[in-house]
Amino acid sequence: MELKDEEWRTFNVGDIVSRIGTDEQEIVGINHAGDLIDIKCIKAPHNNFCKIGDVESNVPWRYTLVRRR
């Protein structure tokens, strides 16, 4: 599934995104409505709000695309 956010950002499963700029999260799922993404931490941020391997669901507008997979 492809998720379009504000027409300029498109997220896909496998894309790498960041919440605060020092972390990296891999998108592992997008729900059918497109309003939640499941993300897995692959690089812990400087403030340690997640650990490598942690998975959570969150709203996509909190994230910025880092790179495509």
N, C-alpha and C. Protein backbone atom coordinates (compact mmCIF):
# COMPACT_ATOMS: atom_id res chain seq x y z
N MET A 1 0.85 -1.18 0.00
CA MET A 1 0.00 0.00 0.00
C MET A 1 0.88 1.24 0.00
N GLU A 2 0.46 2.24 -0.71
CA GLU A 2 1.16 3.51 -0.78
C GLU A 2 0.38 4.55 0.02
N LEU A 3 1.07 5.35 0.78
CA LEU A 3 0.42 6.38 1.60
C LEU A 3 0.87 7.74 1.10
N LYS A 4 -0.07 8.59 0.71
CA LYS A 4 0.27 9.93 0.26
C LYS A 4 -0.08 10.93 1.34
N ASP A 5 0.87 11.78 1.66
CA ASP A 5 0.71 12.77 2.72
C ASP A 5 0.98 14.15 2.14
N GLU A 6 -0.02 14.99 2.11
CA GLU A 6 0.09 16.36 1.62
C GLU A 6 0.58 16.44 0.18
N GLU A 7 0.34 15.39 -0.61
CA GLU A 7 0.65 15.31 -2.03
C GLU A 7 2.13 15.40 -2.37
N TRP A 8 3.00 15.82 -1.48
CA TRP A 8 4.43 15.90 -1.79
C TRP A 8 5.21 14.78 -1.15
N ARG A 9 4.63 14.07 -0.23
CA ARG A 9 5.34 12.99 0.45
C ARG A 9 4.58 11.69 0.23
N THR A 10 5.26 10.68 -0.21
CA THR A 10 4.66 9.36 -0.39
C THR A 10 5.46 8.35 0.41
N PHE A 11 4.80 7.64 1.30
CA PHE A 11 5.46 6.60 2.08
C PHE A 11 5.02 5.24 1.56
N ASN A 12 5.96 4.31 1.54
CA ASN A 12 5.69 2.92 1.19
C ASN A 12 6.29 2.02 2.26
N VAL A 13 5.76 0.82 2.36
CA VAL A 13 6.37 -0.17 3.26
C VAL A 13 7.82 -0.36 2.81
N GLY A 14 8.72 -0.34 3.78
CA GLY A 14 10.15 -0.48 3.50
C GLY A 14 10.90 0.84 3.50
N ASP A 15 10.18 1.97 3.37
CA ASP A 15 10.84 3.27 3.41
C ASP A 15 11.42 3.53 4.80
N ILE A 16 12.48 4.32 4.85
CA ILE A 16 13.11 4.71 6.10
C ILE A 16 12.70 6.15 6.39
N VAL A 17 12.17 6.37 7.60
CA VAL A 17 11.68 7.69 8.01
C VAL A 17 12.33 8.08 9.33
N SER A 18 12.20 9.35 9.69
CA SER A 18 12.74 9.83 10.96
C SER A 18 11.69 10.67 11.66
N ARG A 19 11.66 10.55 12.98
CA ARG A 19 10.72 11.33 13.77
C ARG A 19 11.35 12.62 14.29
N ILE A 20 12.64 12.54 14.70
CA ILE A 20 13.28 13.74 15.25
C ILE A 20 14.60 14.08 14.56
N GLY A 21 14.99 13.29 13.57
CA GLY A 21 16.20 13.59 12.82
C GLY A 21 17.42 12.80 13.21
N THR A 22 17.47 12.27 14.42
CA THR A 22 18.62 11.46 14.84
C THR A 22 18.29 9.97 14.85
N ASP A 23 17.04 9.63 14.59
CA ASP A 23 16.58 8.25 14.56
C ASP A 23 16.34 7.82 13.12
N GLU A 24 16.23 6.51 12.92
CA GLU A 24 15.78 5.95 11.66
C GLU A 24 14.80 4.84 11.98
N GLN A 25 13.65 4.89 11.30
CA GLN A 25 12.57 3.93 11.50
C GLN A 25 12.21 3.36 10.13
N GLU A 26 12.01 2.05 10.07
CA GLU A 26 11.57 1.42 8.83
C GLU A 26 10.06 1.23 8.89
N ILE A 27 9.37 1.64 7.85
CA ILE A 27 7.92 1.41 7.78
C ILE A 27 7.69 -0.06 7.46
N VAL A 28 7.01 -0.76 8.38
CA VAL A 28 6.76 -2.19 8.20
C VAL A 28 5.29 -2.48 7.91
N GLY A 29 4.45 -1.46 8.00
CA GLY A 29 3.03 -1.62 7.68
C GLY A 29 2.32 -0.29 7.58
N ILE A 30 1.28 -0.27 6.76
CA ILE A 30 0.40 0.90 6.64
C ILE A 30 -1.03 0.36 6.68
N ASN A 31 -1.86 0.92 7.55
CA ASN A 31 -3.23 0.39 7.64
C ASN A 31 -4.05 0.78 6.41
N HIS A 32 -5.21 0.15 6.26
CA HIS A 32 -6.03 0.37 5.06
C HIS A 32 -6.52 1.80 4.92
N ALA A 33 -6.76 2.48 6.01
CA ALA A 33 -7.22 3.87 5.95
C ALA A 33 -6.07 4.83 5.65
N GLY A 34 -4.83 4.38 5.87
CA GLY A 34 -3.67 5.22 5.61
C GLY A 34 -3.38 6.23 6.71
N ASP A 35 -4.06 6.10 7.85
CA ASP A 35 -3.85 7.08 8.91
C ASP A 35 -2.92 6.59 10.02
N LEU A 36 -2.42 5.36 9.90
CA LEU A 36 -1.46 4.81 10.86
C LEU A 36 -0.39 4.03 10.10
N ILE A 37 0.85 4.17 10.57
CA ILE A 37 1.93 3.35 10.04
C ILE A 37 2.54 2.56 11.19
N ASP A 38 3.01 1.36 10.88
CA ASP A 38 3.77 0.56 11.83
C ASP A 38 5.23 0.77 11.47
N ILE A 39 6.02 1.14 12.47
CA ILE A 39 7.42 1.44 12.24
C ILE A 39 8.30 0.64 13.18
N LYS A 40 9.48 0.25 12.67
CA LYS A 40 10.46 -0.48 13.47
C LYS A 40 11.72 0.36 13.58
N CYS A 41 12.21 0.54 14.79
CA CYS A 41 13.41 1.33 15.04
C CYS A 41 14.63 0.57 14.52
N ILE A 42 15.40 1.21 13.62
CA ILE A 42 16.62 0.59 13.11
C ILE A 42 17.87 1.39 13.48
N LYS A 43 17.67 2.61 13.98
CA LYS A 43 18.77 3.43 14.52
C LYS A 43 18.19 4.25 15.66
N ALA A 44 18.67 4.00 16.86
CA ALA A 44 18.12 4.68 18.04
C ALA A 44 18.47 6.17 18.02
N PRO A 45 17.53 7.01 18.47
CA PRO A 45 17.77 8.45 18.52
C PRO A 45 18.66 8.83 19.71
N HIS A 46 19.14 10.05 19.69
CA HIS A 46 20.02 10.51 20.77
C HIS A 46 19.31 10.54 22.13
N ASN A 47 17.99 10.72 22.15
CA ASN A 47 17.28 10.76 23.43
C ASN A 47 16.68 9.41 23.82
N ASN A 48 16.96 8.38 23.04
CA ASN A 48 16.57 7.00 23.35
C ASN A 48 15.07 6.78 23.58
N PHE A 49 14.21 7.46 22.78
CA PHE A 49 12.78 7.20 22.94
C PHE A 49 12.39 5.83 22.39
N CYS A 50 13.30 5.21 21.63
CA CYS A 50 13.08 3.84 21.19
C CYS A 50 14.42 3.12 21.14
N LYS A 51 14.33 1.78 21.16
CA LYS A 51 15.52 0.94 21.04
C LYS A 51 15.46 0.21 19.71
N ILE A 52 16.62 -0.16 19.18
CA ILE A 52 16.65 -0.91 17.92
C ILE A 52 15.80 -2.17 18.07
N GLY A 53 14.92 -2.36 17.11
CA GLY A 53 14.02 -3.51 17.11
C GLY A 53 12.62 -3.22 17.63
N ASP A 54 12.45 -2.11 18.36
CA ASP A 54 11.11 -1.73 18.85
C ASP A 54 10.19 -1.47 17.67
N VAL A 55 8.93 -1.90 17.78
CA VAL A 55 7.91 -1.65 16.76
C VAL A 55 6.75 -0.94 17.42
N GLU A 56 6.25 0.10 16.76
CA GLU A 56 5.08 0.82 17.26
C GLU A 56 4.24 1.30 16.10
N SER A 57 3.00 1.68 16.40
CA SER A 57 2.12 2.31 15.43
C SER A 57 2.04 3.79 15.76
N ASN A 58 2.02 4.63 14.71
CA ASN A 58 1.96 6.06 14.92
C ASN A 58 1.35 6.72 13.69
N VAL A 59 1.06 8.00 13.80
CA VAL A 59 0.51 8.75 12.68
C VAL A 59 1.64 9.17 11.74
N PRO A 60 1.42 9.08 10.43
CA PRO A 60 2.51 9.33 9.48
C PRO A 60 3.00 10.77 9.43
N TRP A 61 2.15 11.73 9.78
CA TRP A 61 2.56 13.14 9.67
C TRP A 61 3.67 13.50 10.65
N ARG A 62 3.97 12.63 11.60
CA ARG A 62 5.07 12.89 12.54
C ARG A 62 6.44 12.57 11.95
N TYR A 63 6.47 11.96 10.76
CA TYR A 63 7.71 11.44 10.20
C TYR A 63 8.10 12.13 8.90
N THR A 64 9.41 12.15 8.67
CA THR A 64 9.98 12.70 7.44
C THR A 64 10.73 11.59 6.73
N LEU A 65 10.60 11.54 5.42
CA LEU A 65 11.29 10.52 4.64
C LEU A 65 12.80 10.74 4.70
N VAL A 66 13.54 9.67 5.00
CA VAL A 66 15.01 9.69 4.99
C VAL A 66 15.51 9.12 3.67
N ARG A 67 15.00 7.92 3.32
CA ARG A 67 15.37 7.30 2.04
C ARG A 67 14.38 6.20 1.71
N ARG A 68 14.34 5.88 0.44
CA ARG A 68 13.50 4.79 -0.06
C ARG A 68 14.26 3.49 0.03
N ARG A 69 13.52 2.41 0.22
CA ARG A 69 14.12 1.08 0.19
C ARG A 69 13.90 0.48 -1.17
